[in-house]
Amino acid sequence: MSAPDEHDHLARAAQLFGRLLLRELDAPTLDELRQEPVREALAAVGVELPADDDLPALAQRYFALFLHPEGALPPVQSLWRHRQYDGDAATGVRRIADAANLTLSDAARGAAPDHLGCVLILWAELHKSRPELAALLVEHHLAWAEQALQHAAAQPGFYGAVSAAARDLVGALTEQPRAPAPTSALPPSEPELK
């Protein structure tokens, strides 16, 4: 696979897994996932789609793994870094989105801007149009994510498989050669991201 094809493939995966990490699986989304080639692609990374009858139990599972995980934290960078919401990482993600004249995805439904799902979706939106900003996201806002997904990825079932696939995606993104990330890509009055 050539580099542009691989980046497009990674962007589609980032969009999909970002969405699945941001909100619990519902019937319309499950119907979308059952369409080819999405179903085939999910199966290739070990994600088996649940039956319609499993959706209520999956909503509880989503809550337990991503919103209020026991022995772990939700996949939000500020929580992982500073044990509080809306920290420097959230500000950094907002600044990158602002520099690209983007608003964070409607799929976020009020999620923290540095929620892993938001970061993946934003990367997917930036990877072609603003590769220097996509590189900043990878450099400053994805290194923590593999560890954050370990707890959920170790669990059986749909969300365990989604978490493992998302963890592998983050690994692939962080291993990609990165475009130079000039500080001029950010508004000049802002301090450099940390």
N, C-alpha and C. Protein backbone atom coordinates (compact mmCIF):
# COMPACT_ATOMS: atom_id res chain seq x y z
N MET A 1 0.85 -1.17 0.00
CA MET A 1 0.00 0.00 0.00
C MET A 1 0.90 1.24 0.00
N SER A 2 0.61 2.19 -0.90
CA SER A 2 1.42 3.41 -0.95
C SER A 2 1.11 4.30 0.24
N ALA A 3 2.01 5.25 0.50
CA ALA A 3 1.83 6.13 1.67
C ALA A 3 0.51 6.90 1.62
N PRO A 4 0.12 7.53 0.48
CA PRO A 4 -1.18 8.22 0.47
C PRO A 4 -2.34 7.27 0.72
N ASP A 5 -2.31 6.07 0.14
CA ASP A 5 -3.37 5.09 0.37
C ASP A 5 -3.41 4.67 1.83
N GLU A 6 -2.23 4.48 2.43
CA GLU A 6 -2.18 4.07 3.83
C GLU A 6 -2.73 5.18 4.73
N HIS A 7 -2.39 6.43 4.43
CA HIS A 7 -2.92 7.54 5.22
C HIS A 7 -4.43 7.65 5.09
N ASP A 8 -4.96 7.42 3.88
CA ASP A 8 -6.42 7.45 3.70
C ASP A 8 -7.07 6.32 4.49
N HIS A 9 -6.45 5.16 4.46
CA HIS A 9 -6.94 4.01 5.23
C HIS A 9 -6.92 4.33 6.72
N LEU A 10 -5.83 4.91 7.19
CA LEU A 10 -5.73 5.28 8.61
C LEU A 10 -6.75 6.35 8.97
N ALA A 11 -7.00 7.28 8.06
CA ALA A 11 -7.97 8.34 8.33
C ALA A 11 -9.38 7.75 8.46
N ARG A 12 -9.74 6.83 7.59
CA ARG A 12 -11.07 6.18 7.71
C ARG A 12 -11.17 5.41 9.02
N ALA A 13 -10.10 4.73 9.39
CA ALA A 13 -10.10 3.99 10.65
C ALA A 13 -10.18 4.95 11.84
N ALA A 14 -9.46 6.07 11.78
CA ALA A 14 -9.50 7.05 12.87
C ALA A 14 -10.89 7.63 13.02
N GLN A 15 -11.54 7.92 11.91
CA GLN A 15 -12.91 8.45 11.94
C GLN A 15 -13.85 7.43 12.59
N LEU A 16 -13.75 6.18 12.18
CA LEU A 16 -14.63 5.13 12.70
C LEU A 16 -14.38 4.85 14.18
N PHE A 17 -13.14 4.62 14.56
CA PHE A 17 -12.86 4.29 15.95
C PHE A 17 -13.04 5.50 16.86
N GLY A 18 -12.77 6.69 16.34
CA GLY A 18 -13.07 7.89 17.12
C GLY A 18 -14.55 7.96 17.46
N ARG A 19 -15.36 7.70 16.48
CA ARG A 19 -16.82 7.72 16.69
C ARG A 19 -17.25 6.65 17.69
N LEU A 20 -16.70 5.45 17.57
CA LEU A 20 -17.08 4.36 18.48
C LEU A 20 -16.61 4.61 19.91
N LEU A 21 -15.51 5.34 20.07
CA LEU A 21 -15.03 5.65 21.42
C LEU A 21 -15.81 6.80 22.06
N LEU A 22 -16.42 7.64 21.23
CA LEU A 22 -17.12 8.81 21.75
C LEU A 22 -18.53 8.53 22.27
N ARG A 23 -19.18 7.54 21.72
CA ARG A 23 -20.55 7.28 22.17
C ARG A 23 -20.89 5.81 22.04
N GLU A 24 -21.85 5.40 22.86
CA GLU A 24 -22.23 4.00 22.86
C GLU A 24 -22.86 3.62 21.53
N LEU A 25 -22.73 2.36 21.21
CA LEU A 25 -23.27 1.82 19.97
C LEU A 25 -24.79 1.83 20.02
N ASP A 26 -25.42 2.37 18.98
CA ASP A 26 -26.88 2.36 18.88
C ASP A 26 -27.29 1.63 17.61
N ALA A 27 -28.57 1.41 17.44
CA ALA A 27 -29.07 0.62 16.31
C ALA A 27 -28.70 1.23 14.96
N PRO A 28 -28.87 2.54 14.74
CA PRO A 28 -28.47 3.09 13.43
C PRO A 28 -26.98 2.92 13.14
N THR A 29 -26.14 3.11 14.15
CA THR A 29 -24.70 2.95 13.95
C THR A 29 -24.37 1.49 13.68
N LEU A 30 -25.01 0.59 14.40
CA LEU A 30 -24.79 -0.84 14.15
C LEU A 30 -25.17 -1.21 12.73
N ASP A 31 -26.28 -0.66 12.23
CA ASP A 31 -26.67 -0.91 10.84
C ASP A 31 -25.60 -0.43 9.87
N GLU A 32 -25.02 0.76 10.14
CA GLU A 32 -23.93 1.27 9.30
C GLU A 32 -22.72 0.36 9.33
N LEU A 33 -22.41 -0.16 10.52
CA LEU A 33 -21.24 -1.03 10.65
C LEU A 33 -21.43 -2.36 9.93
N ARG A 34 -22.66 -2.75 9.73
CA ARG A 34 -22.95 -4.03 9.05
C ARG A 34 -22.80 -3.93 7.54
N GLN A 35 -22.65 -2.73 7.02
CA GLN A 35 -22.50 -2.55 5.57
C GLN A 35 -21.07 -2.88 5.15
N GLU A 36 -20.97 -3.49 3.96
CA GLU A 36 -19.64 -3.72 3.40
C GLU A 36 -19.15 -2.39 2.87
N PRO A 37 -17.91 -2.08 2.92
CA PRO A 37 -16.77 -2.86 3.38
C PRO A 37 -16.46 -2.67 4.86
N VAL A 38 -17.29 -1.90 5.59
CA VAL A 38 -16.99 -1.62 7.00
C VAL A 38 -16.98 -2.92 7.80
N ARG A 39 -18.00 -3.75 7.61
CA ARG A 39 -18.06 -5.01 8.37
C ARG A 39 -16.83 -5.86 8.12
N GLU A 40 -16.43 -5.93 6.88
CA GLU A 40 -15.26 -6.72 6.52
C GLU A 40 -13.98 -6.15 7.14
N ALA A 41 -13.86 -4.83 7.12
CA ALA A 41 -12.68 -4.18 7.70
C ALA A 41 -12.64 -4.41 9.22
N LEU A 42 -13.79 -4.31 9.88
CA LEU A 42 -13.82 -4.56 11.32
C LEU A 42 -13.45 -6.00 11.64
N ALA A 43 -13.98 -6.92 10.87
CA ALA A 43 -13.65 -8.33 11.09
C ALA A 43 -12.15 -8.57 10.92
N ALA A 44 -11.54 -7.87 9.98
CA ALA A 44 -10.10 -8.03 9.73
C ALA A 44 -9.25 -7.60 10.92
N VAL A 45 -9.77 -6.70 11.76
CA VAL A 45 -9.02 -6.27 12.93
C VAL A 45 -9.57 -6.88 14.21
N GLY A 46 -10.41 -7.93 14.06
CA GLY A 46 -10.88 -8.68 15.22
C GLY A 46 -12.12 -8.15 15.91
N VAL A 47 -12.85 -7.25 15.27
CA VAL A 47 -14.07 -6.70 15.87
C VAL A 47 -15.28 -7.42 15.28
N GLU A 48 -15.93 -8.21 16.13
CA GLU A 48 -17.16 -8.89 15.72
C GLU A 48 -18.34 -8.01 16.11
N LEU A 49 -19.26 -7.87 15.18
CA LEU A 49 -20.42 -7.03 15.45
C LEU A 49 -21.43 -7.77 16.31
N PRO A 50 -22.04 -7.07 17.25
CA PRO A 50 -23.02 -7.70 18.14
C PRO A 50 -24.38 -7.83 17.47
N ALA A 51 -25.23 -8.60 18.09
CA ALA A 51 -26.62 -8.71 17.64
C ALA A 51 -27.41 -7.51 18.17
N ASP A 52 -28.52 -7.22 17.55
CA ASP A 52 -29.38 -6.11 17.99
C ASP A 52 -29.78 -6.26 19.46
N ASP A 53 -30.04 -7.48 19.87
CA ASP A 53 -30.47 -7.73 21.25
C ASP A 53 -29.39 -7.41 22.28
N ASP A 54 -28.15 -7.31 21.83
CA ASP A 54 -27.03 -7.02 22.74
C ASP A 54 -26.86 -5.53 23.04
N LEU A 55 -27.58 -4.66 22.33
CA LEU A 55 -27.35 -3.22 22.48
C LEU A 55 -27.58 -2.70 23.90
N PRO A 56 -28.63 -3.11 24.63
CA PRO A 56 -28.77 -2.59 26.00
C PRO A 56 -27.59 -2.98 26.91
N ALA A 57 -27.13 -4.21 26.80
CA ALA A 57 -25.99 -4.64 27.61
C ALA A 57 -24.72 -3.91 27.17
N LEU A 58 -24.60 -3.63 25.88
CA LEU A 58 -23.43 -2.90 25.38
C LEU A 58 -23.42 -1.46 25.88
N ALA A 59 -24.59 -0.85 26.04
CA ALA A 59 -24.64 0.51 26.59
C ALA A 59 -24.09 0.51 28.01
N GLN A 60 -24.43 -0.50 28.79
CA GLN A 60 -23.90 -0.61 30.15
C GLN A 60 -22.39 -0.85 30.11
N ARG A 61 -21.97 -1.67 29.16
CA ARG A 61 -20.54 -1.97 29.01
C ARG A 61 -19.75 -0.72 28.62
N TYR A 62 -20.33 0.08 27.72
CA TYR A 62 -19.69 1.33 27.32
C TYR A 62 -19.50 2.23 28.54
N PHE A 63 -20.54 2.37 29.33
CA PHE A 63 -20.46 3.19 30.55
C PHE A 63 -19.34 2.68 31.45
N ALA A 64 -19.31 1.36 31.66
CA ALA A 64 -18.34 0.76 32.58
C ALA A 64 -16.89 0.87 32.07
N LEU A 65 -16.70 0.86 30.77
CA LEU A 65 -15.33 0.88 30.23
C LEU A 65 -14.81 2.28 29.90
N PHE A 66 -15.71 3.17 29.47
CA PHE A 66 -15.23 4.45 28.95
C PHE A 66 -15.69 5.67 29.73
N LEU A 67 -16.79 5.59 30.42
CA LEU A 67 -17.27 6.76 31.16
C LEU A 67 -16.92 6.69 32.63
N HIS A 68 -17.00 5.51 33.20
CA HIS A 68 -16.72 5.34 34.63
C HIS A 68 -15.99 4.02 34.85
N PRO A 69 -14.80 3.89 34.27
CA PRO A 69 -14.08 2.61 34.39
C PRO A 69 -13.52 2.39 35.79
N GLU A 70 -13.70 1.19 36.26
CA GLU A 70 -13.17 0.84 37.58
C GLU A 70 -11.68 0.53 37.44
N GLY A 71 -10.86 1.20 38.22
CA GLY A 71 -9.42 0.96 38.18
C GLY A 71 -8.71 1.62 37.01
N ALA A 72 -9.39 2.50 36.30
CA ALA A 72 -8.78 3.20 35.17
C ALA A 72 -9.45 4.57 35.05
N LEU A 73 -9.04 5.30 34.04
CA LEU A 73 -9.61 6.62 33.78
C LEU A 73 -10.26 6.61 32.40
N PRO A 74 -11.25 7.47 32.17
CA PRO A 74 -11.78 7.61 30.81
C PRO A 74 -10.66 8.04 29.85
N PRO A 75 -10.84 7.78 28.55
CA PRO A 75 -9.77 8.11 27.59
C PRO A 75 -9.73 9.61 27.25
N VAL A 76 -9.35 10.40 28.24
CA VAL A 76 -9.25 11.86 28.11
C VAL A 76 -7.85 12.24 28.57
N GLN A 77 -7.10 12.89 27.68
CA GLN A 77 -5.69 13.17 27.95
C GLN A 77 -5.49 14.00 29.22
N SER A 78 -6.30 15.02 29.46
CA SER A 78 -6.13 15.84 30.66
C SER A 78 -6.27 15.00 31.93
N LEU A 79 -7.18 14.04 31.91
CA LEU A 79 -7.33 13.16 33.07
C LEU A 79 -6.10 12.29 33.27
N TRP A 80 -5.56 11.79 32.18
CA TRP A 80 -4.39 10.93 32.27
C TRP A 80 -3.15 11.71 32.69
N ARG A 81 -3.06 12.96 32.29
CA ARG A 81 -1.89 13.76 32.63
C ARG A 81 -2.00 14.43 33.99
N HIS A 82 -3.16 15.04 34.26
CA HIS A 82 -3.28 15.91 35.43
C HIS A 82 -4.44 15.55 36.36
N ARG A 83 -5.13 14.47 36.04
CA ARG A 83 -6.25 14.00 36.87
C ARG A 83 -7.38 15.03 36.97
N GLN A 84 -7.54 15.84 35.93
CA GLN A 84 -8.66 16.78 35.90
C GLN A 84 -9.04 17.02 34.44
N TYR A 85 -10.29 17.37 34.22
CA TYR A 85 -10.76 17.70 32.88
C TYR A 85 -10.28 19.10 32.49
N ASP A 86 -10.26 19.35 31.20
CA ASP A 86 -10.03 20.66 30.61
C ASP A 86 -8.67 21.25 31.00
N GLY A 87 -7.66 20.43 30.93
CA GLY A 87 -6.30 20.89 31.21
C GLY A 87 -5.62 21.42 29.97
N ASP A 88 -4.29 21.50 30.04
CA ASP A 88 -3.50 22.00 28.93
C ASP A 88 -3.71 21.20 27.64
N ALA A 89 -3.92 19.91 27.78
CA ALA A 89 -4.13 19.08 26.59
C ALA A 89 -5.41 19.49 25.86
N ALA A 90 -6.47 19.76 26.59
CA ALA A 90 -7.72 20.21 25.97
C ALA A 90 -7.51 21.54 25.25
N THR A 91 -6.76 22.43 25.88
CA THR A 91 -6.46 23.72 25.26
C THR A 91 -5.66 23.52 23.98
N GLY A 92 -4.70 22.61 24.01
CA GLY A 92 -3.89 22.33 22.83
C GLY A 92 -4.70 21.79 21.67
N VAL A 93 -5.62 20.87 21.96
CA VAL A 93 -6.47 20.33 20.89
C VAL A 93 -7.36 21.42 20.32
N ARG A 94 -7.93 22.24 21.19
CA ARG A 94 -8.77 23.35 20.71
C ARG A 94 -7.97 24.29 19.81
N ARG A 95 -6.73 24.58 20.20
CA ARG A 95 -5.88 25.48 19.41
C ARG A 95 -5.57 24.89 18.04
N ILE A 96 -5.34 23.60 17.98
CA ILE A 96 -5.07 22.96 16.69
C ILE A 96 -6.32 23.03 15.82
N ALA A 97 -7.47 22.73 16.38
CA ALA A 97 -8.72 22.82 15.61
C ALA A 97 -8.95 24.25 15.14
N ASP A 98 -8.73 25.22 16.03
CA ASP A 98 -8.91 26.63 15.66
C ASP A 98 -7.96 27.05 14.54
N ALA A 99 -6.72 26.59 14.61
CA ALA A 99 -5.74 26.93 13.58
C ALA A 99 -6.16 26.42 12.21
N ALA A 100 -6.95 25.36 12.18
CA ALA A 100 -7.45 24.79 10.93
C ALA A 100 -8.85 25.31 10.59
N ASN A 101 -9.36 26.22 11.41
CA ASN A 101 -10.73 26.73 11.24
C ASN A 101 -11.76 25.62 11.29
N LEU A 102 -11.55 24.68 12.19
CA LEU A 102 -12.48 23.57 12.36
C LEU A 102 -13.13 23.66 13.74
N THR A 103 -14.34 23.17 13.81
CA THR A 103 -14.97 22.97 15.11
C THR A 103 -14.90 21.49 15.40
N LEU A 104 -14.86 21.15 16.66
CA LEU A 104 -14.79 19.74 17.00
C LEU A 104 -16.08 19.06 16.57
N SER A 105 -15.97 17.83 16.19
CA SER A 105 -17.06 17.06 15.58
C SER A 105 -18.35 17.07 16.38
N ASP A 106 -19.47 17.11 15.66
CA ASP A 106 -20.78 16.96 16.30
C ASP A 106 -20.91 15.60 16.97
N ALA A 107 -20.16 14.63 16.47
CA ALA A 107 -20.20 13.29 17.06
C ALA A 107 -19.72 13.31 18.51
N ALA A 108 -18.99 14.36 18.89
CA ALA A 108 -18.44 14.44 20.24
C ALA A 108 -19.51 14.58 21.31
N ARG A 109 -20.65 15.13 20.97
CA ARG A 109 -21.75 15.29 21.93
C ARG A 109 -21.28 15.81 23.28
N GLY A 110 -20.52 16.86 23.26
CA GLY A 110 -20.08 17.47 24.51
C GLY A 110 -18.88 16.81 25.17
N ALA A 111 -18.24 15.87 24.51
CA ALA A 111 -17.06 15.22 25.08
C ALA A 111 -15.92 16.23 25.17
N ALA A 112 -15.01 15.97 26.06
CA ALA A 112 -13.82 16.81 26.20
C ALA A 112 -13.07 16.85 24.87
N PRO A 113 -12.52 18.01 24.49
CA PRO A 113 -11.80 18.08 23.22
C PRO A 113 -10.60 17.13 23.16
N ASP A 114 -10.03 16.80 24.32
CA ASP A 114 -8.89 15.89 24.34
C ASP A 114 -9.30 14.45 24.64
N HIS A 115 -10.58 14.15 24.47
CA HIS A 115 -11.04 12.76 24.50
C HIS A 115 -10.42 12.07 23.29
N LEU A 116 -9.95 10.87 23.45
CA LEU A 116 -9.28 10.17 22.37
C LEU A 116 -10.13 10.12 21.11
N GLY A 117 -11.44 9.91 21.25
CA GLY A 117 -12.31 9.89 20.07
C GLY A 117 -12.26 11.20 19.31
N CYS A 118 -12.30 12.32 20.01
CA CYS A 118 -12.21 13.64 19.37
C CYS A 118 -10.88 13.82 18.66
N VAL A 119 -9.81 13.41 19.31
CA VAL A 119 -8.47 13.57 18.73
C VAL A 119 -8.35 12.74 17.46
N LEU A 120 -8.86 11.51 17.47
CA LEU A 120 -8.80 10.67 16.27
C LEU A 120 -9.60 11.26 15.12
N ILE A 121 -10.79 11.75 15.41
CA ILE A 121 -11.62 12.35 14.37
C ILE A 121 -10.96 13.61 13.82
N LEU A 122 -10.41 14.43 14.70
CA LEU A 122 -9.73 15.64 14.25
C LEU A 122 -8.52 15.28 13.39
N TRP A 123 -7.75 14.29 13.78
CA TRP A 123 -6.61 13.86 12.97
C TRP A 123 -7.08 13.45 11.58
N ALA A 124 -8.19 12.70 11.51
CA ALA A 124 -8.72 12.26 10.22
C ALA A 124 -9.10 13.45 9.34
N GLU A 125 -9.62 14.49 9.95
CA GLU A 125 -10.01 15.68 9.20
C GLU A 125 -8.80 16.49 8.73
N LEU A 126 -7.70 16.42 9.47
CA LEU A 126 -6.52 17.24 9.17
C LEU A 126 -5.46 16.54 8.33
N HIS A 127 -5.47 15.23 8.26
CA HIS A 127 -4.30 14.52 7.72
C HIS A 127 -3.94 14.93 6.29
N LYS A 128 -4.94 15.29 5.47
CA LYS A 128 -4.63 15.73 4.11
C LYS A 128 -4.55 17.25 4.00
N SER A 129 -5.52 17.91 4.58
CA SER A 129 -5.62 19.36 4.39
C SER A 129 -4.57 20.14 5.18
N ARG A 130 -4.22 19.66 6.35
CA ARG A 130 -3.25 20.35 7.21
C ARG A 130 -2.34 19.32 7.88
N PRO A 131 -1.47 18.69 7.09
CA PRO A 131 -0.62 17.63 7.67
C PRO A 131 0.26 18.11 8.82
N GLU A 132 0.65 19.39 8.81
CA GLU A 132 1.48 19.89 9.90
C GLU A 132 0.69 19.93 11.21
N LEU A 133 -0.61 20.21 11.14
CA LEU A 133 -1.45 20.19 12.34
C LEU A 133 -1.76 18.75 12.76
N ALA A 134 -1.95 17.88 11.78
CA ALA A 134 -2.14 16.46 12.10
C ALA A 134 -0.91 15.92 12.82
N ALA A 135 0.28 16.36 12.39
CA ALA A 135 1.52 15.93 13.04
C ALA A 135 1.58 16.44 14.47
N LEU A 136 1.12 17.66 14.71
CA LEU A 136 1.08 18.18 16.08
C LEU A 136 0.16 17.35 16.96
N LEU A 137 -0.99 16.95 16.41
CA LEU A 137 -1.90 16.09 17.18
C LEU A 137 -1.22 14.79 17.57
N VAL A 138 -0.56 14.18 16.61
CA VAL A 138 0.12 12.91 16.90
C VAL A 138 1.21 13.12 17.95
N GLU A 139 2.01 14.14 17.75
CA GLU A 139 3.15 14.38 18.64
C GLU A 139 2.72 14.73 20.07
N HIS A 140 1.70 15.54 20.20
CA HIS A 140 1.34 16.06 21.52
C HIS A 140 0.10 15.44 22.14
N HIS A 141 -0.70 14.72 21.34
CA HIS A 141 -2.00 14.30 21.86
C HIS A 141 -2.34 12.83 21.63
N LEU A 142 -1.36 12.02 21.26
CA LEU A 142 -1.64 10.59 21.11
C LEU A 142 -0.72 9.67 21.90
N ALA A 143 0.40 10.14 22.37
CA ALA A 143 1.37 9.27 23.04
C ALA A 143 0.78 8.59 24.27
N TRP A 144 -0.12 9.22 24.97
CA TRP A 144 -0.74 8.70 26.18
C TRP A 144 -1.80 7.63 25.88
N ALA A 145 -2.32 7.61 24.67
CA ALA A 145 -3.55 6.88 24.36
C ALA A 145 -3.41 5.36 24.40
N GLU A 146 -2.27 4.84 24.00
CA GLU A 146 -2.12 3.39 24.03
C GLU A 146 -2.30 2.86 25.45
N GLN A 147 -1.68 3.53 26.40
CA GLN A 147 -1.82 3.12 27.80
C GLN A 147 -3.27 3.28 28.27
N ALA A 148 -3.93 4.34 27.84
CA ALA A 148 -5.30 4.59 28.26
C ALA A 148 -6.27 3.52 27.76
N LEU A 149 -5.93 2.87 26.66
CA LEU A 149 -6.81 1.85 26.10
C LEU A 149 -6.51 0.45 26.61
N GLN A 150 -5.42 0.27 27.35
CA GLN A 150 -5.02 -1.07 27.80
C GLN A 150 -6.12 -1.77 28.62
N HIS A 151 -6.71 -1.05 29.56
CA HIS A 151 -7.72 -1.64 30.44
C HIS A 151 -8.90 -2.16 29.62
N ALA A 152 -9.46 -1.32 28.76
CA ALA A 152 -10.62 -1.73 27.97
C ALA A 152 -10.24 -2.80 26.95
N ALA A 153 -9.03 -2.70 26.37
CA ALA A 153 -8.61 -3.66 25.36
C ALA A 153 -8.45 -5.06 25.93
N ALA A 154 -8.24 -5.16 27.23
CA ALA A 154 -8.08 -6.47 27.87
C ALA A 154 -9.42 -7.14 28.15
N GLN A 155 -10.51 -6.43 27.92
CA GLN A 155 -11.84 -6.97 28.21
C GLN A 155 -12.37 -7.75 27.00
N PRO A 156 -13.20 -8.74 27.25
CA PRO A 156 -13.79 -9.49 26.13
C PRO A 156 -14.91 -8.69 25.48
N GLY A 157 -15.31 -9.13 24.31
CA GLY A 157 -16.48 -8.57 23.66
C GLY A 157 -16.19 -7.42 22.71
N PHE A 158 -17.27 -6.82 22.26
CA PHE A 158 -17.21 -5.77 21.25
C PHE A 158 -16.29 -4.62 21.65
N TYR A 159 -16.51 -4.04 22.83
CA TYR A 159 -15.71 -2.88 23.22
C TYR A 159 -14.26 -3.23 23.54
N GLY A 160 -14.01 -4.44 23.98
CA GLY A 160 -12.63 -4.87 24.15
C GLY A 160 -11.92 -4.92 22.81
N ALA A 161 -12.61 -5.47 21.80
CA ALA A 161 -12.04 -5.56 20.45
C ALA A 161 -11.88 -4.18 19.83
N VAL A 162 -12.87 -3.30 20.02
CA VAL A 162 -12.77 -1.93 19.52
C VAL A 162 -11.58 -1.23 20.16
N SER A 163 -11.41 -1.40 21.46
CA SER A 163 -10.29 -0.75 22.17
C SER A 163 -8.95 -1.28 21.69
N ALA A 164 -8.86 -2.60 21.47
CA ALA A 164 -7.61 -3.17 20.97
C ALA A 164 -7.29 -2.65 19.57
N ALA A 165 -8.30 -2.58 18.72
CA ALA A 165 -8.09 -2.06 17.36
C ALA A 165 -7.72 -0.58 17.40
N ALA A 166 -8.37 0.20 18.27
CA ALA A 166 -8.04 1.62 18.40
C ALA A 166 -6.62 1.79 18.94
N ARG A 167 -6.23 0.95 19.88
CA ARG A 167 -4.86 1.00 20.42
C ARG A 167 -3.85 0.72 19.30
N ASP A 168 -4.15 -0.27 18.46
CA ASP A 168 -3.26 -0.57 17.34
C ASP A 168 -3.21 0.58 16.33
N LEU A 169 -4.36 1.23 16.12
CA LEU A 169 -4.40 2.38 15.24
C LEU A 169 -3.53 3.51 15.79
N VAL A 170 -3.65 3.79 17.07
CA VAL A 170 -2.81 4.82 17.69
C VAL A 170 -1.34 4.46 17.52
N GLY A 171 -1.01 3.19 17.71
CA GLY A 171 0.37 2.75 17.50
C GLY A 171 0.83 3.00 16.07
N ALA A 172 -0.03 2.73 15.10
CA ALA A 172 0.32 2.98 13.70
C ALA A 172 0.49 4.47 13.43
N LEU A 173 -0.36 5.28 14.00
CA LEU A 173 -0.26 6.74 13.79
C LEU A 173 1.01 7.31 14.43
N THR A 174 1.35 6.83 15.61
CA THR A 174 2.53 7.37 16.29
C THR A 174 3.82 6.87 15.66
N GLU A 175 3.76 5.81 14.86
CA GLU A 175 4.94 5.31 14.16
C GLU A 175 5.11 5.91 12.78
N GLN A 176 4.08 6.61 12.27
CA GLN A 176 4.13 7.21 10.94
C GLN A 176 5.21 8.27 10.88
N PRO A 177 5.88 8.37 9.71
CA PRO A 177 6.76 9.52 9.54
C PRO A 177 5.90 10.78 9.62
N ARG A 178 6.38 11.77 10.32
CA ARG A 178 5.58 12.98 10.55
C ARG A 178 6.10 14.13 9.70
N ALA A 179 5.15 14.91 9.21
CA ALA A 179 5.53 16.16 8.54
C ALA A 179 6.09 17.10 9.59
N PRO A 180 7.00 17.97 9.22
CA PRO A 180 7.49 18.94 10.19
C PRO A 180 6.30 19.74 10.74
N ALA A 181 6.34 20.03 12.00
CA ALA A 181 5.25 20.76 12.64
C ALA A 181 5.74 22.15 13.04
N PRO A 182 5.75 23.08 12.08
CA PRO A 182 6.25 24.41 12.43
C PRO A 182 5.33 25.09 13.41
N THR A 183 5.90 25.85 14.30
CA THR A 183 5.07 26.58 15.26
C THR A 183 4.25 27.65 14.56
N SER A 184 4.63 28.02 13.33
CA SER A 184 3.85 29.02 12.60
C SER A 184 2.47 28.49 12.22
N ALA A 185 2.22 27.20 12.36
CA ALA A 185 0.91 26.64 12.08
C ALA A 185 -0.08 27.04 13.16
N LEU A 186 0.41 27.51 14.29
CA LEU A 186 -0.45 27.91 15.39
C LEU A 186 -0.59 29.42 15.39
N PRO A 187 -1.66 29.92 15.98
CA PRO A 187 -1.80 31.37 16.09
C PRO A 187 -0.57 31.95 16.78
N PRO A 188 -0.01 33.06 16.26
CA PRO A 188 1.26 33.58 16.76
C PRO A 188 1.23 34.04 18.21
N SER A 189 0.09 34.42 18.73
CA SER A 189 0.04 34.92 20.10
C SER A 189 0.01 33.82 21.15
N GLU A 190 -0.10 32.59 20.72
CA GLU A 190 -0.22 31.47 21.65
C GLU A 190 1.16 30.88 21.96
N PRO A 191 1.39 30.44 23.17
CA PRO A 191 2.66 29.75 23.48
C PRO A 191 2.71 28.40 22.80
N GLU A 192 3.88 27.90 22.60
CA GLU A 192 4.06 26.60 21.97
C GLU A 192 3.41 25.52 22.82
N LEU A 193 2.83 24.50 22.14
CA LEU A 193 2.18 23.39 22.85
C LEU A 193 3.18 22.62 23.68
N LYS A 194 2.71 22.09 24.77
CA LYS A 194 3.56 21.25 25.61
C LYS A 194 3.08 19.84 25.52
